[in-house]
PDB file of all heavy atoms in Angstrom:
ATOM      1  N   ALA A   1       4.114  15.097 -33.874  1.00  0.00           N
ATOM      2  CA  ALA A   1       2.857  14.519 -33.390  1.00  0.00           C
ATOM      3  C   ALA A   1       3.078  13.067 -32.999  1.00  0.00           C
ATOM      4  O   ALA A   1       3.891  12.360 -33.602  1.00  0.00           O
ATOM      5  CB  ALA A   1       1.783  14.611 -34.460  1.00  0.00           C
ATOM      6  N   SER A   2       2.355  12.655 -31.974  1.00  0.00           N
ATOM      7  CA  SER A   2       2.339  11.235 -31.598  1.00  0.00           C
ATOM      8  C   SER A   2       0.898  10.845 -31.309  1.00  0.00           C
ATOM      9  O   SER A   2       0.111  11.659 -30.822  1.00  0.00           O
ATOM     10  CB  SER A   2       3.225  10.975 -30.371  1.00  0.00           C
ATOM     11  OG  SER A   2       2.704  11.623 -29.238  1.00  0.00           O
ATOM     12  N   VAL A   3       0.564   9.610 -31.651  1.00  0.00           N
ATOM     13  CA  VAL A   3      -0.772   9.080 -31.399  1.00  0.00           C
ATOM     14  C   VAL A   3      -0.597   7.761 -30.657  1.00  0.00           C
ATOM     15  O   VAL A   3       0.131   6.879 -31.118  1.00  0.00           O
ATOM     16  CB  VAL A   3      -1.557   8.859 -32.712  1.00  0.00           C
ATOM     17  CG1 VAL A   3      -2.920   8.261 -32.423  1.00  0.00           C
ATOM     18  CG2 VAL A   3      -1.685  10.156 -33.507  1.00  0.00           C
ATOM     19  N   ASN A   4      -1.248   7.655 -29.517  1.00  0.00           N
ATOM     20  CA  ASN A   4      -1.170   6.437 -28.708  1.00  0.00           C
ATOM     21  C   ASN A   4      -2.558   6.056 -28.234  1.00  0.00           C
ATOM     22  O   ASN A   4      -3.382   6.927 -27.953  1.00  0.00           O
ATOM     23  CB  ASN A   4      -0.260   6.652 -27.496  1.00  0.00           C
ATOM     24  CG  ASN A   4       1.194   6.687 -27.879  1.00  0.00           C
ATOM     25  OD1 ASN A   4       1.787   5.661 -28.199  1.00  0.00           O
ATOM     26  ND2 ASN A   4       1.794   7.871 -27.881  1.00  0.00           N
ATOM     27  N   THR A   5      -2.795   4.744 -28.138  1.00  0.00           N
ATOM     28  CA  THR A   5      -4.054   4.230 -27.617  1.00  0.00           C
ATOM     29  C   THR A   5      -3.764   3.452 -26.344  1.00  0.00           C
ATOM     30  O   THR A   5      -2.814   2.659 -26.287  1.00  0.00           O
ATOM     31  CB  THR A   5      -4.751   3.333 -28.657  1.00  0.00           C
ATOM     32  OG1 THR A   5      -5.029   4.123 -29.825  1.00  0.00           O
ATOM     33  CG2 THR A   5      -6.067   2.783 -28.116  1.00  0.00           C
ATOM     34  N   TYR A   6      -4.572   3.719 -25.325  1.00  0.00           N
ATOM     35  CA  TYR A   6      -4.389   3.124 -24.003  1.00  0.00           C
ATOM     36  C   TYR A   6      -5.687   2.447 -23.578  1.00  0.00           C
ATOM     37  O   TYR A   6      -6.771   2.875 -23.959  1.00  0.00           O
ATOM     38  CB  TYR A   6      -4.068   4.205 -22.965  1.00  0.00           C
ATOM     39  CG  TYR A   6      -2.933   5.117 -23.348  1.00  0.00           C
ATOM     40  CD1 TYR A   6      -3.165   6.289 -24.064  1.00  0.00           C
ATOM     41  CD2 TYR A   6      -1.627   4.813 -22.991  1.00  0.00           C
ATOM     42  CE1 TYR A   6      -2.124   7.140 -24.413  1.00  0.00           C
ATOM     43  CE2 TYR A   6      -0.580   5.659 -23.334  1.00  0.00           C
ATOM     44  CZ  TYR A   6      -0.836   6.819 -24.048  1.00  0.00           C
ATOM     45  OH  TYR A   6       0.197   7.653 -24.393  1.00  0.00           O
ATOM     46  N   THR A   7      -5.559   1.415 -22.753  1.00  0.00           N
ATOM     47  CA  THR A   7      -6.695   0.797 -22.081  1.00  0.00           C
ATOM     48  C   THR A   7      -6.500   1.055 -20.599  1.00  0.00           C
ATOM     49  O   THR A   7      -5.447   0.719 -20.038  1.00  0.00           O
ATOM     50  CB  THR A   7      -6.760  -0.717 -22.357  1.00  0.00           C
ATOM     51  OG1 THR A   7      -6.865  -0.925 -23.771  1.00  0.00           O
ATOM     52  CG2 THR A   7      -7.955  -1.352 -21.656  1.00  0.00           C
ATOM     53  N   LEU A   8      -7.486   1.687 -19.970  1.00  0.00           N
ATOM     54  CA  LEU A   8      -7.373   2.009 -18.550  1.00  0.00           C
ATOM     55  C   LEU A   8      -7.109   0.750 -17.733  1.00  0.00           C
ATOM     56  O   LEU A   8      -7.768  -0.276 -17.907  1.00  0.00           O
ATOM     57  CB  LEU A   8      -8.643   2.707 -18.059  1.00  0.00           C
ATOM     58  CG  LEU A   8      -8.863   4.114 -18.602  1.00  0.00           C
ATOM     59  CD1 LEU A   8     -10.249   4.626 -18.217  1.00  0.00           C
ATOM     60  CD2 LEU A   8      -7.791   5.075 -18.119  1.00  0.00           C
ATOM     61  N   GLY A   9      -6.103   0.823 -16.851  1.00  0.00           N
ATOM     62  CA  GLY A   9      -5.779  -0.269 -15.959  1.00  0.00           C
ATOM     63  C   GLY A   9      -4.950  -1.386 -16.567  1.00  0.00           C
ATOM     64  O   GLY A   9      -4.639  -2.361 -15.891  1.00  0.00           O
ATOM     65  N   VAL A  10      -4.556  -1.249 -17.841  1.00  0.00           N
ATOM     66  CA  VAL A  10      -3.784  -2.282 -18.527  1.00  0.00           C
ATOM     67  C   VAL A  10      -2.468  -1.682 -19.006  1.00  0.00           C
ATOM     68  O   VAL A  10      -2.451  -0.583 -19.574  1.00  0.00           O
ATOM     69  CB  VAL A  10      -4.579  -2.841 -19.740  1.00  0.00           C
ATOM     70  CG1 VAL A  10      -3.739  -3.842 -20.528  1.00  0.00           C
ATOM     71  CG2 VAL A  10      -5.882  -3.465 -19.283  1.00  0.00           C
ATOM     72  N   GLU A  11      -1.360  -2.389 -18.792  1.00  0.00           N
ATOM     73  CA  GLU A  11      -0.074  -1.897 -19.277  1.00  0.00           C
ATOM     74  C   GLU A  11      -0.091  -1.861 -20.804  1.00  0.00           C
ATOM     75  O   GLU A  11      -0.462  -2.842 -21.454  1.00  0.00           O
ATOM     76  CB  GLU A  11       1.068  -2.788 -18.788  1.00  0.00           C
ATOM     77  CG  GLU A  11       2.432  -2.216 -19.136  1.00  0.00           C
ATOM     78  CD  GLU A  11       3.568  -3.019 -18.556  1.00  0.00           C
ATOM     79  OE1 GLU A  11       3.813  -4.138 -19.068  1.00  0.00           O
ATOM     80  OE2 GLU A  11       4.199  -2.536 -17.588  1.00  0.00           O
ATOM     81  N   CYS A  12       0.288  -0.704 -21.356  1.00  0.00           N
ATOM     82  CA  CYS A  12       0.284  -0.480 -22.799  1.00  0.00           C
ATOM     83  C   CYS A  12       1.652   0.027 -23.229  1.00  0.00           C
ATOM     84  O   CYS A  12       2.440   0.485 -22.408  1.00  0.00           O
ATOM     85  CB  CYS A  12      -0.771   0.569 -23.173  1.00  0.00           C
ATOM     86  SG  CYS A  12      -2.451   0.118 -22.702  1.00  0.00           S
ATOM     87  N   GLU A  13       1.912  -0.021 -24.524  1.00  0.00           N
ATOM     88  CA  GLU A  13       3.150   0.528 -25.071  1.00  0.00           C
ATOM     89  C   GLU A  13       2.862   1.939 -25.573  1.00  0.00           C
ATOM     90  O   GLU A  13       1.950   2.153 -26.366  1.00  0.00           O
ATOM     91  CB  GLU A  13       3.659  -0.330 -26.218  1.00  0.00           C
ATOM     92  CG  GLU A  13       4.864   0.269 -26.889  1.00  0.00           C
ATOM     93  CD  GLU A  13       6.065  -0.651 -26.898  1.00  0.00           C
ATOM     94  OE1 GLU A  13       6.001  -1.721 -26.278  1.00  0.00           O
ATOM     95  OE2 GLU A  13       7.043  -0.283 -27.534  1.00  0.00           O
ATOM     96  N   GLU A  14       3.629   2.891 -25.084  1.00  0.00           N
ATOM     97  CA  GLU A  14       3.504   4.286 -25.512  1.00  0.00           C
ATOM     98  C   GLU A  14       4.635   4.569 -26.502  1.00  0.00           C
ATOM     99  O   GLU A  14       5.809   4.376 -26.192  1.00  0.00           O
ATOM    100  CB  GLU A  14       3.612   5.209 -24.296  1.00  0.00           C
ATOM    101  CG  GLU A  14       3.420   6.660 -24.616  1.00  0.00           C
ATOM    102  CD  GLU A  14       3.471   7.504 -23.366  1.00  0.00           C
ATOM    103  OE1 GLU A  14       4.598   7.794 -22.906  1.00  0.00           O
ATOM    104  OE2 GLU A  14       2.395   7.844 -22.839  1.00  0.00           O
ATOM    105  N   LYS A  15       4.249   5.027 -27.698  1.00  0.00           N
ATOM    106  CA  LYS A  15       5.233   5.325 -28.734  1.00  0.00           C
ATOM    107  C   LYS A  15       5.618   6.791 -28.655  1.00  0.00           C
ATOM    108  O   LYS A  15       4.797   7.655 -28.405  1.00  0.00           O
ATOM    109  CB  LYS A  15       4.662   4.998 -30.103  1.00  0.00           C
ATOM    110  CG  LYS A  15       4.327   3.533 -30.268  1.00  0.00           C
ATOM    111  CD  LYS A  15       3.661   3.263 -31.597  1.00  0.00           C
ATOM    112  CE  LYS A  15       3.223   1.825 -31.663  1.00  0.00           C
ATOM    113  NZ  LYS A  15       1.819   1.650 -31.444  1.00  0.00           N
ATOM    114  N   GLY A  16       6.879   7.066 -28.874  1.00  0.00           N
ATOM    115  CA  GLY A  16       7.384   8.431 -28.854  1.00  0.00           C
ATOM    116  C   GLY A  16       8.836   8.422 -29.252  1.00  0.00           C
ATOM    117  O   GLY A  16       9.273   7.544 -30.001  1.00  0.00           O
ATOM    118  N   LEU A  17       9.612   9.376 -28.734  1.00  0.00           N
ATOM    119  CA  LEU A  17      11.043   9.381 -29.015  1.00  0.00           C
ATOM    120  C   LEU A  17      11.676   8.077 -28.538  1.00  0.00           C
ATOM    121  O   LEU A  17      12.625   7.585 -29.116  1.00  0.00           O
ATOM    122  CB  LEU A  17      11.721  10.576 -28.344  1.00  0.00           C
ATOM    123  CG  LEU A  17      11.275  11.951 -28.848  1.00  0.00           C
ATOM    124  CD1 LEU A  17      11.908  13.057 -28.022  1.00  0.00           C
ATOM    125  CD2 LEU A  17      11.597  12.120 -30.321  1.00  0.00           C
ATOM    126  N   GLN A  18      11.126   7.535 -27.452  1.00  0.00           N
ATOM    127  CA  GLN A  18      11.531   6.224 -26.937  1.00  0.00           C
ATOM    128  C   GLN A  18      10.246   5.502 -26.545  1.00  0.00           C
ATOM    129  O   GLN A  18       9.426   6.039 -25.807  1.00  0.00           O
ATOM    130  CB  GLN A  18      12.429   6.407 -25.713  1.00  0.00           C
ATOM    131  CG  GLN A  18      12.859   5.114 -25.081  1.00  0.00           C
ATOM    132  CD  GLN A  18      13.718   5.338 -23.835  1.00  0.00           C
ATOM    133  OE1 GLN A  18      14.130   6.448 -23.545  1.00  0.00           O
ATOM    134  NE2 GLN A  18      13.968   4.272 -23.111  1.00  0.00           N
ATOM    135  N   ASN A  19      10.040   4.305 -27.068  1.00  0.00           N
ATOM    136  CA  ASN A  19       8.855   3.541 -26.691  1.00  0.00           C
ATOM    137  C   ASN A  19       9.005   3.069 -25.255  1.00  0.00           C
ATOM    138  O   ASN A  19      10.094   2.685 -24.832  1.00  0.00           O
ATOM    139  CB  ASN A  19       8.658   2.347 -27.620  1.00  0.00           C
ATOM    140  CG  ASN A  19       8.325   2.769 -29.032  1.00  0.00           C
ATOM    141  OD1 ASN A  19       8.093   3.943 -29.304  1.00  0.00           O
ATOM    142  ND2 ASN A  19       8.300   1.819 -29.937  1.00  0.00           N
ATOM    143  N   ARG A  20       7.886   3.125 -24.495  1.00  0.00           N
ATOM    144  CA  ARG A  20       7.942   2.705 -23.099  1.00  0.00           C
ATOM    145  C   ARG A  20       6.595   2.130 -22.670  1.00  0.00           C
ATOM    146  O   ARG A  20       5.564   2.431 -23.244  1.00  0.00           O
ATOM    147  CB  ARG A  20       8.349   3.846 -22.175  1.00  0.00           C
ATOM    148  CG  ARG A  20       7.889   5.198 -22.543  1.00  0.00           C
ATOM    149  CD  ARG A  20       8.378   6.276 -21.579  1.00  0.00           C
ATOM    150  NE  ARG A  20       9.675   6.800 -21.811  1.00  0.00           N
ATOM    151  CZ  ARG A  20       9.966   7.863 -22.550  1.00  0.00           C
ATOM    152  NH1 ARG A  20       9.028   8.516 -23.141  1.00  0.00           N
ATOM    153  NH2 ARG A  20      11.193   8.292 -22.673  1.00  0.00           N
ATOM    154  N   LYS A  21       6.655   1.303 -21.638  1.00  0.00           N
ATOM    155  CA  LYS A  21       5.447   0.706 -21.051  1.00  0.00           C
ATOM    156  C   LYS A  21       4.837   1.691 -20.058  1.00  0.00           C
ATOM    157  O   LYS A  21       5.551   2.354 -19.304  1.00  0.00           O
ATOM    158  CB  LYS A  21       5.777  -0.598 -20.329  1.00  0.00           C
ATOM    159  CG  LYS A  21       6.384  -1.660 -21.212  1.00  0.00           C
ATOM    160  CD  LYS A  21       5.362  -2.244 -22.136  1.00  0.00           C
ATOM    161  CE  LYS A  21       5.971  -3.412 -22.912  1.00  0.00           C
ATOM    162  NZ  LYS A  21       5.065  -3.902 -23.915  1.00  0.00           N
ATOM    163  N   VAL A  22       3.506   1.755 -20.052  1.00  0.00           N
ATOM    164  CA  VAL A  22       2.791   2.648 -19.144  1.00  0.00           C
ATOM    165  C   VAL A  22       1.431   2.037 -18.815  1.00  0.00           C
ATOM    166  O   VAL A  22       0.818   1.368 -19.646  1.00  0.00           O
ATOM    167  CB  VAL A  22       2.618   4.062 -19.766  1.00  0.00           C
ATOM    168  CG1 VAL A  22       1.821   4.012 -21.060  1.00  0.00           C
ATOM    169  CG2 VAL A  22       1.973   5.026 -18.775  1.00  0.00           C
ATOM    170  N   THR A  23       0.995   2.269 -17.591  1.00  0.00           N
ATOM    171  CA  THR A  23      -0.360   1.904 -17.179  1.00  0.00           C
ATOM    172  C   THR A  23      -1.078   3.184 -16.780  1.00  0.00           C
ATOM    173  O   THR A  23      -0.593   3.925 -15.912  1.00  0.00           O
ATOM    174  CB  THR A  23      -0.336   0.920 -15.994  1.00  0.00           C
ATOM    175  OG1 THR A  23       0.403  -0.244 -16.384  1.00  0.00           O
ATOM    176  CG2 THR A  23      -1.748   0.521 -15.587  1.00  0.00           C
ATOM    177  N   CYS A  24      -2.206   3.458 -17.438  1.00  0.00           N
ATOM    178  CA  CYS A  24      -3.002   4.663 -17.156  1.00  0.00           C
ATOM    179  C   CYS A  24      -4.246   4.280 -16.365  1.00  0.00           C
ATOM    180  O   CYS A  24      -4.891   3.271 -16.664  1.00  0.00           O
ATOM    181  CB  CYS A  24      -3.425   5.339 -18.461  1.00  0.00           C
ATOM    182  SG  CYS A  24      -2.056   5.914 -19.466  1.00  0.00           S
ATOM    183  N   THR A  25      -4.556   5.082 -15.362  1.00  0.00           N
ATOM    184  CA  THR A  25      -5.762   4.886 -14.562  1.00  0.00           C
ATOM    185  C   THR A  25      -6.384   6.245 -14.275  1.00  0.00           C
ATOM    186  O   THR A  25      -5.702   7.272 -14.339  1.00  0.00           O
ATOM    187  CB  THR A  25      -5.439   4.193 -13.219  1.00  0.00           C
ATOM    188  OG1 THR A  25      -4.450   4.956 -12.520  1.00  0.00           O
ATOM    189  CG2 THR A  25      -4.951   2.767 -13.430  1.00  0.00           C
ATOM    190  N   ILE A  26      -7.658   6.234 -13.973  1.00  0.00           N
ATOM    191  CA  ILE A  26      -8.304   7.443 -13.475  1.00  0.00           C
ATOM    192  C   ILE A  26      -8.433   7.258 -11.978  1.00  0.00           C
ATOM    193  O   ILE A  26      -9.015   6.277 -11.509  1.00  0.00           O
ATOM    194  CB  ILE A  26      -9.671   7.672 -14.135  1.00  0.00           C
ATOM    195  CG1 ILE A  26      -9.477   7.968 -15.624  1.00  0.00           C
ATOM    196  CG2 ILE A  26     -10.418   8.829 -13.450  1.00  0.00           C
ATOM    197  CD1 ILE A  26     -10.762   8.174 -16.396  1.00  0.00           C
ATOM    198  N   GLN A  27      -7.835   8.188 -11.240  1.00  0.00           N
ATOM    199  CA  GLN A  27      -7.881   8.152  -9.784  1.00  0.00           C
ATOM    200  C   GLN A  27      -8.540   9.443  -9.320  1.00  0.00           C
ATOM    201  O   GLN A  27      -7.907  10.497  -9.328  1.00  0.00           O
ATOM    202  CB  GLN A  27      -6.472   7.979  -9.217  1.00  0.00           C
ATOM    203  CG  GLN A  27      -5.856   6.659  -9.625  1.00  0.00           C
ATOM    204  CD  GLN A  27      -4.464   6.445  -9.087  1.00  0.00           C
ATOM    205  OE1 GLN A  27      -4.037   7.099  -8.138  1.00  0.00           O
ATOM    206  NE2 GLN A  27      -3.739   5.516  -9.685  1.00  0.00           N
ATOM    207  N   GLY A  28      -9.834   9.342  -8.986  1.00  0.00           N
ATOM    208  CA  GLY A  28     -10.594  10.534  -8.605  1.00  0.00           C
ATOM    209  C   GLY A  28     -10.697  11.487  -9.773  1.00  0.00           C
ATOM    210  O   GLY A  28     -11.211  11.126 -10.828  1.00  0.00           O
ATOM    211  N   ASP A  29     -10.142  12.687  -9.612  1.00  0.00           N
ATOM    212  CA  ASP A  29     -10.228  13.701 -10.670  1.00  0.00           C
ATOM    213  C   ASP A  29      -8.948  13.779 -11.500  1.00  0.00           C
ATOM    214  O   ASP A  29      -8.700  14.764 -12.185  1.00  0.00           O
ATOM    215  CB  ASP A  29     -10.539  15.075 -10.066  1.00  0.00           C
ATOM    216  CG  ASP A  29      -9.433  15.592  -9.154  1.00  0.00           C
ATOM    217  OD1 ASP A  29      -8.510  14.817  -8.823  1.00  0.00           O
ATOM    218  OD2 ASP A  29      -9.490  16.779  -8.775  1.00  0.00           O
ATOM    219  N   ALA A  30      -8.116  12.724 -11.475  1.00  0.00           N
ATOM    220  CA  ALA A  30      -6.823  12.774 -12.162  1.00  0.00           C
ATOM    221  C   ALA A  30      -6.632  11.583 -13.099  1.00  0.00           C
ATOM    222  O   ALA A  30      -7.069  10.462 -12.821  1.00  0.00           O
ATOM    223  CB  ALA A  30      -5.687  12.793 -11.139  1.00  0.00           C
ATOM    224  N   LEU A  31      -5.945  11.848 -14.218  1.00  0.00           N
ATOM    225  CA  LEU A  31      -5.455  10.796 -15.108  1.00  0.00           C
ATOM    226  C   LEU A  31      -4.025  10.512 -14.668  1.00  0.00           C
ATOM    227  O   LEU A  31      -3.160  11.395 -14.721  1.00  0.00           O
ATOM    228  CB  LEU A  31      -5.473  11.256 -16.570  1.00  0.00           C
ATOM    229  CG  LEU A  31      -4.813  10.302 -17.574  1.00  0.00           C
ATOM    230  CD1 LEU A  31      -5.519   8.951 -17.588  1.00  0.00           C
ATOM    231  CD2 LEU A  31      -4.803  10.928 -18.963  1.00  0.00           C
ATOM    232  N   VAL A  32      -3.776   9.303 -14.200  1.00  0.00           N
ATOM    233  CA  VAL A  32      -2.464   8.929 -13.667  1.00  0.00           C
ATOM    234  C   VAL A  32      -1.805   7.940 -14.629  1.00  0.00           C
ATOM    235  O   VAL A  32      -2.420   6.956 -15.043  1.00  0.00           O
ATOM    236  CB  VAL A  32      -2.595   8.308 -12.258  1.00  0.00           C
ATOM    237  CG1 VAL A  32      -1.249   7.851 -11.737  1.00  0.00           C
ATOM    238  CG2 VAL A  32      -3.244   9.308 -11.308  1.00  0.00           C
ATOM    239  N   SER A  33      -0.554   8.225 -14.971  1.00  0.00           N
ATOM    240  CA  SER A  33       0.231   7.365 -15.853  1.00  0.00           C
ATOM    241  C   SER A  33       1.456   6.878 -15.074  1.00  0.00           C
ATOM    242  O   SER A  33       2.259   7.697 -14.621  1.00  0.00           O
ATOM    243  CB  SER A  33       0.685   8.139 -17.093  1.00  0.00           C
ATOM    244  OG  SER A  33      -0.423   8.681 -17.780  1.00  0.00           O
ATOM    245  N   ASP A  34       1.577   5.565 -14.925  1.00  0.00           N
ATOM    246  CA  ASP A  34       2.698   4.964 -14.203  1.00  0.00           C
ATOM    247  C   ASP A  34       3.620   4.258 -15.196  1.00  0.00           C
ATOM    248  O   ASP A  34       3.188   3.362 -15.930  1.00  0.00           O
ATOM    249  CB  ASP A  34       2.192   3.960 -13.160  1.00  0.00           C
ATOM    250  CG  ASP A  34       1.561   4.649 -11.973  1.00  0.00           C
ATOM    251  OD1 ASP A  34       2.227   5.513 -11.358  1.00  0.00           O
ATOM    252  OD2 ASP A  34       0.399   4.325 -11.653  1.00  0.00           O
ATOM    253  N   TYR A  35       4.883   4.702 -15.202  1.00  0.00           N
ATOM    254  CA  TYR A  35       5.918   4.137 -16.059  1.00  0.00           C
ATOM    255  C   TYR A  35       6.888   3.361 -15.171  1.00  0.00           C
ATOM    256  O   TYR A  35       7.655   3.968 -14.431  1.00  0.00           O
ATOM    257  CB  TYR A  35       6.686   5.255 -16.773  1.00  0.00           C
ATOM    258  CG  TYR A  35       5.848   6.124 -17.675  1.00  0.00           C
ATOM    259  CD1 TYR A  35       5.142   7.210 -17.166  1.00  0.00           C
ATOM    260  CD2 TYR A  35       5.775   5.869 -19.037  1.00  0.00           C
ATOM    261  CE1 TYR A  35       4.379   8.020 -17.987  1.00  0.00           C
ATOM    262  CE2 TYR A  35       5.014   6.682 -19.871  1.00  0.00           C
ATOM    263  CZ  TYR A  35       4.322   7.751 -19.341  1.00  0.00           C
ATOM    264  OH  TYR A  35       3.561   8.551 -20.160  1.00  0.00           O
ATOM    265  N   PRO A  36       6.895   2.024 -15.246  1.00  0.00           N
ATOM    266  CA  PRO A  36       7.760   1.250 -14.356  1.00  0.00           C
ATOM    267  C   PRO A  36       9.242   1.300 -14.747  1.00  0.00           C
ATOM    268  O   PRO A  36      10.106   0.995 -13.923  1.00  0.00           O
ATOM    269  CB  PRO A  36       7.212  -0.174 -14.481  1.00  0.00           C
ATOM    270  CG  PRO A  36       6.568  -0.211 -15.829  1.00  0.00           C
ATOM    271  CD  PRO A  36       6.047   1.174 -16.075  1.00  0.00           C
ATOM    272  N   ASN A  37       9.539   1.691 -16.004  1.00  0.00           N
ATOM    273  CA  ASN A  37      10.913   1.690 -16.491  1.00  0.00           C
ATOM    274  C   ASN A  37      11.041   2.752 -17.581  1.00  0.00           C
ATOM    275  O   ASN A  37      11.267   2.444 -18.747  1.00  0.00           O
ATOM    276  CB  ASN A  37      11.284   0.304 -17.031  1.00  0.00           C
ATOM    277  CG  ASN A  37      12.729   0.182 -17.413  1.00  0.00           C
ATOM    278  OD1 ASN A  37      13.560   1.021 -17.086  1.00  0.00           O
ATOM    279  ND2 ASN A  37      13.041  -0.887 -18.124  1.00  0.00           N
TER     280      ASN A  37
END
């Protein structure tokens, strides 16, 4: 199990097997997650 908290439109740290930066947005009918690295 993993638990992560995100703020829409703000780069956040996602915890998992490897921690990574992600920005989540809602674009129309989709949840979009952008990982720059």
